N, C-alpha and C. Protein backbone atom coordinates (compact mmCIF):
# COMPACT_ATOMS: atom_id res chain seq x y z
N UNK A 1 -7.26 -15.75 2.14
CA UNK A 1 -7.38 -14.56 2.26
C UNK A 1 -8.71 -13.81 2.04
N UNK A 2 -9.25 -13.13 2.73
CA UNK A 2 -10.67 -12.30 2.53
C UNK A 2 -10.60 -11.45 1.24
N UNK A 3 -11.85 -11.29 0.76
CA UNK A 3 -12.34 -10.23 -0.06
C UNK A 3 -11.66 -9.02 -0.01
N UNK A 4 -11.90 -8.43 1.39
CA UNK A 4 -11.64 -6.89 1.62
C UNK A 4 -10.12 -6.83 1.60
N UNK A 5 -9.61 -7.81 2.18
CA UNK A 5 -8.05 -7.91 1.97
C UNK A 5 -7.38 -7.81 0.85
N UNK A 6 -7.96 -8.71 -0.01
CA UNK A 6 -7.50 -8.63 -1.75
C UNK A 6 -7.71 -7.26 -2.05
N UNK A 7 -9.01 -6.93 -1.96
CA UNK A 7 -9.28 -5.45 -2.65
C UNK A 7 -8.20 -4.46 -1.86
N UNK A 8 -7.85 -4.45 -0.85
CA UNK A 8 -6.77 -3.50 -0.26
C UNK A 8 -5.47 -3.58 -0.79
N UNK A 9 -5.06 -5.07 -1.14
CA UNK A 9 -3.94 -5.32 -1.69
C UNK A 9 -4.09 -4.62 -2.94
N UNK A 10 -4.91 -4.93 -3.62
CA UNK A 10 -5.07 -4.37 -5.14
C UNK A 10 -5.00 -2.74 -5.00
N UNK A 11 -5.77 -2.06 -4.26
CA UNK A 11 -5.48 -0.49 -4.22
C UNK A 11 -4.19 -0.23 -3.80
N UNK A 12 -3.48 -1.09 -2.81
CA UNK A 12 -2.24 -0.47 -2.39
C UNK A 12 -1.27 -0.78 -3.89
N UNK A 13 -1.53 -1.79 -4.61
CA UNK A 13 -0.73 -1.76 -5.89
C UNK A 13 -0.77 -0.70 -6.70
N UNK A 14 -2.03 -0.50 -6.99
CA UNK A 14 -2.55 0.84 -7.50
C UNK A 14 -1.68 2.12 -7.23
N UNK A 15 -1.86 2.56 -5.74
CA UNK A 15 -1.02 3.53 -5.33
C UNK A 15 0.62 3.29 -5.41
N UNK A 16 1.18 2.06 -5.41
CA UNK A 16 2.45 2.02 -5.45
C UNK A 16 2.87 2.49 -7.08
N UNK A 17 2.27 1.82 -7.82
CA UNK A 17 2.32 2.23 -9.15
C UNK A 17 2.15 3.66 -9.49
N UNK A 18 1.35 4.09 -9.08
CA UNK A 18 1.29 5.83 -9.21
C UNK A 18 2.38 6.47 -8.69
N UNK A 19 2.84 6.12 -7.53
CA UNK A 19 3.69 6.68 -6.75
C UNK A 19 5.11 6.63 -7.47
N UNK A 20 5.41 5.33 -7.98
CA UNK A 20 6.74 5.16 -8.78
C UNK A 20 6.40 6.11 -10.01
N UNK A 21 5.33 6.04 -10.52
CA UNK A 21 5.44 6.72 -12.00
C UNK A 21 5.50 8.22 -11.69
N UNK A 22 4.91 8.84 -10.38
CA UNK A 22 5.14 10.14 -10.04
C UNK A 22 6.52 10.78 -9.76
N UNK A 23 7.03 9.44 -9.20
CA UNK A 23 8.79 9.83 -8.85
C UNK A 23 9.44 9.67 -10.03
N UNK A 24 9.12 9.30 -11.18
CA UNK A 24 9.73 8.90 -12.41
C UNK A 24 10.75 7.65 -12.21
N UNK A 25 10.10 6.60 -11.34
CA UNK A 25 10.95 5.50 -11.22
C UNK A 25 10.22 4.30 -11.93
N UNK A 26 10.97 3.38 -12.32
CA UNK A 26 10.20 2.13 -13.11
C UNK A 26 9.86 1.48 -11.96
N UNK A 27 8.54 0.83 -12.16
CA UNK A 27 7.65 0.28 -10.99
C UNK A 27 8.49 -1.07 -10.94
N UNK A 28 8.34 -1.77 -9.74
CA UNK A 28 8.86 -3.18 -9.67
C UNK A 28 8.29 -4.33 -10.27
N UNK A 29 8.66 -5.16 -10.50
CA UNK A 29 8.01 -6.29 -11.13
C UNK A 29 6.43 -6.65 -10.26
N UNK A 30 5.69 -7.35 -10.91
CA UNK A 30 4.33 -7.64 -10.26
C UNK A 30 4.62 -8.41 -8.73
N UNK A 31 5.56 -9.49 -8.59
CA UNK A 31 5.68 -10.02 -7.51
C UNK A 31 6.18 -9.21 -6.52
N UNK A 32 7.22 -8.07 -6.78
CA UNK A 32 7.61 -7.50 -5.82
C UNK A 32 6.63 -6.11 -5.27
N UNK A 33 5.59 -6.11 -6.24
CA UNK A 33 4.60 -4.98 -5.85
C UNK A 33 3.74 -5.67 -4.97
N UNK A 34 3.52 -6.83 -5.26
CA UNK A 34 2.57 -7.61 -4.62
C UNK A 34 3.36 -7.73 -3.05
N UNK A 35 4.29 -8.00 -2.96
CA UNK A 35 4.88 -8.33 -1.58
C UNK A 35 4.94 -6.86 -0.67
N UNK A 36 5.08 -5.77 -1.49
CA UNK A 36 5.32 -4.50 -0.86
C UNK A 36 3.64 -4.16 -0.54
N UNK A 37 2.69 -4.21 -1.35
CA UNK A 37 1.38 -4.07 -1.15
C UNK A 37 0.82 -4.83 0.30
N UNK A 38 1.23 -6.28 0.32
CA UNK A 38 0.87 -7.00 1.41
C UNK A 38 1.43 -6.40 2.71
N UNK A 39 2.73 -6.16 2.75
CA UNK A 39 3.34 -5.30 3.71
C UNK A 39 2.64 -4.14 4.30
N UNK A 40 2.47 -3.15 3.28
CA UNK A 40 1.68 -1.89 3.44
C UNK A 40 0.27 -2.31 3.98
N UNK A 41 -0.44 -3.25 3.51
CA UNK A 41 -1.75 -3.56 4.00
C UNK A 41 -1.66 -4.15 5.50
N UNK A 42 -0.65 -4.77 5.81
CA UNK A 42 -0.47 -5.46 7.03
C UNK A 42 -0.37 -4.41 8.26
N UNK A 43 0.74 -3.53 7.57
CA UNK A 43 1.27 -2.37 8.75
C UNK A 43 0.15 -1.33 8.80
N UNK A 44 -0.87 -1.29 7.73
CA UNK A 44 -2.01 -0.20 7.75
C UNK A 44 -2.86 -0.92 8.79
N UNK A 45 -3.18 -2.20 8.90
CA UNK A 45 -4.07 -2.73 9.69
C UNK A 45 -3.58 -2.56 11.08
N UNK A 46 -2.45 -2.86 11.24
CA UNK A 46 -1.84 -2.71 12.52
C UNK A 46 -1.92 -1.27 13.19
N UNK A 47 -1.52 -0.27 12.32
CA UNK A 47 -1.70 1.09 12.82
C UNK A 47 -3.20 1.41 13.05
N UNK A 48 -4.06 0.95 12.26
CA UNK A 48 -5.41 1.32 12.42
C UNK A 48 -6.22 0.71 13.60
N UNK A 49 -5.55 -0.49 13.85
CA UNK A 49 -5.78 -0.70 15.29
C UNK A 49 -5.37 0.16 16.50
N UNK A 50 -4.09 0.45 16.30
CA UNK A 50 -3.70 1.49 17.44
C UNK A 50 -4.29 2.64 17.58
N UNK A 51 -4.55 3.22 16.46
CA UNK A 51 -5.09 4.63 16.42
C UNK A 51 -6.57 4.96 15.95
N UNK A 52 -6.88 3.51 15.41
CA UNK A 52 -8.61 3.68 15.13
C UNK A 52 -8.91 4.80 14.07
N UNK A 53 -7.76 4.64 12.95
CA UNK A 53 -8.02 5.52 11.71
C UNK A 53 -8.47 4.36 10.70
N UNK A 54 -8.83 5.10 9.42
CA UNK A 54 -9.25 4.36 8.19
C UNK A 54 -8.08 3.81 7.84
N UNK A 55 -8.10 2.55 7.27
CA UNK A 55 -6.91 1.48 6.52
C UNK A 55 -6.59 2.45 5.42
N UNK A 56 -7.48 2.68 4.58
CA UNK A 56 -7.10 3.30 3.27
C UNK A 56 -6.24 4.57 3.42
N UNK A 57 -6.66 5.37 4.14
CA UNK A 57 -5.87 6.70 4.54
C UNK A 57 -4.44 6.24 5.02
N UNK A 58 -4.46 5.26 5.84
CA UNK A 58 -3.00 5.01 6.39
C UNK A 58 -2.29 4.46 5.40
N UNK A 59 -2.83 3.65 4.57
CA UNK A 59 -2.22 3.05 3.37
C UNK A 59 -1.69 4.27 2.33
N UNK A 60 -2.30 5.32 2.14
CA UNK A 60 -1.90 6.39 1.28
C UNK A 60 -0.79 7.11 1.98
N UNK A 61 -0.79 7.14 3.27
CA UNK A 61 0.30 7.87 4.27
C UNK A 61 1.49 7.03 3.84
N UNK A 62 1.44 5.70 4.08
CA UNK A 62 2.60 4.86 4.08
C UNK A 62 3.10 4.88 2.73
N UNK A 63 2.41 4.59 1.71
CA UNK A 63 3.07 4.98 0.49
C UNK A 63 3.59 6.27 -0.17
N UNK A 64 2.99 7.44 0.51
CA UNK A 64 3.48 8.63 -0.05
C UNK A 64 4.81 8.56 0.86
N UNK A 65 4.97 8.01 1.91
CA UNK A 65 6.40 8.03 2.76
C UNK A 65 7.70 7.41 1.96
N UNK A 66 7.23 6.68 0.79
CA UNK A 66 8.24 6.07 0.17
C UNK A 66 9.09 7.28 -0.55
N UNK A 67 8.75 8.42 -0.82
CA UNK A 67 9.34 9.34 -1.58
C UNK A 67 10.21 9.96 -0.45
N UNK A 68 10.22 9.82 0.78
CA UNK A 68 11.13 10.33 1.66
C UNK A 68 12.23 9.70 2.18
């Protein structure tokens, strides 16, 4: 895995933890957070290719959709 993808996954994990904390839910275990982060980053890259948007802003949008 490339350096940038690792950084994006770490950022996604931080976003997920923050979102769970904001919702008052217990964060998943570390393996589950990594799995969710990988899915979010992959989905963000797919969307970015289609729309031509910034991957980080898409990740924030995807994670914020967890509330809904």
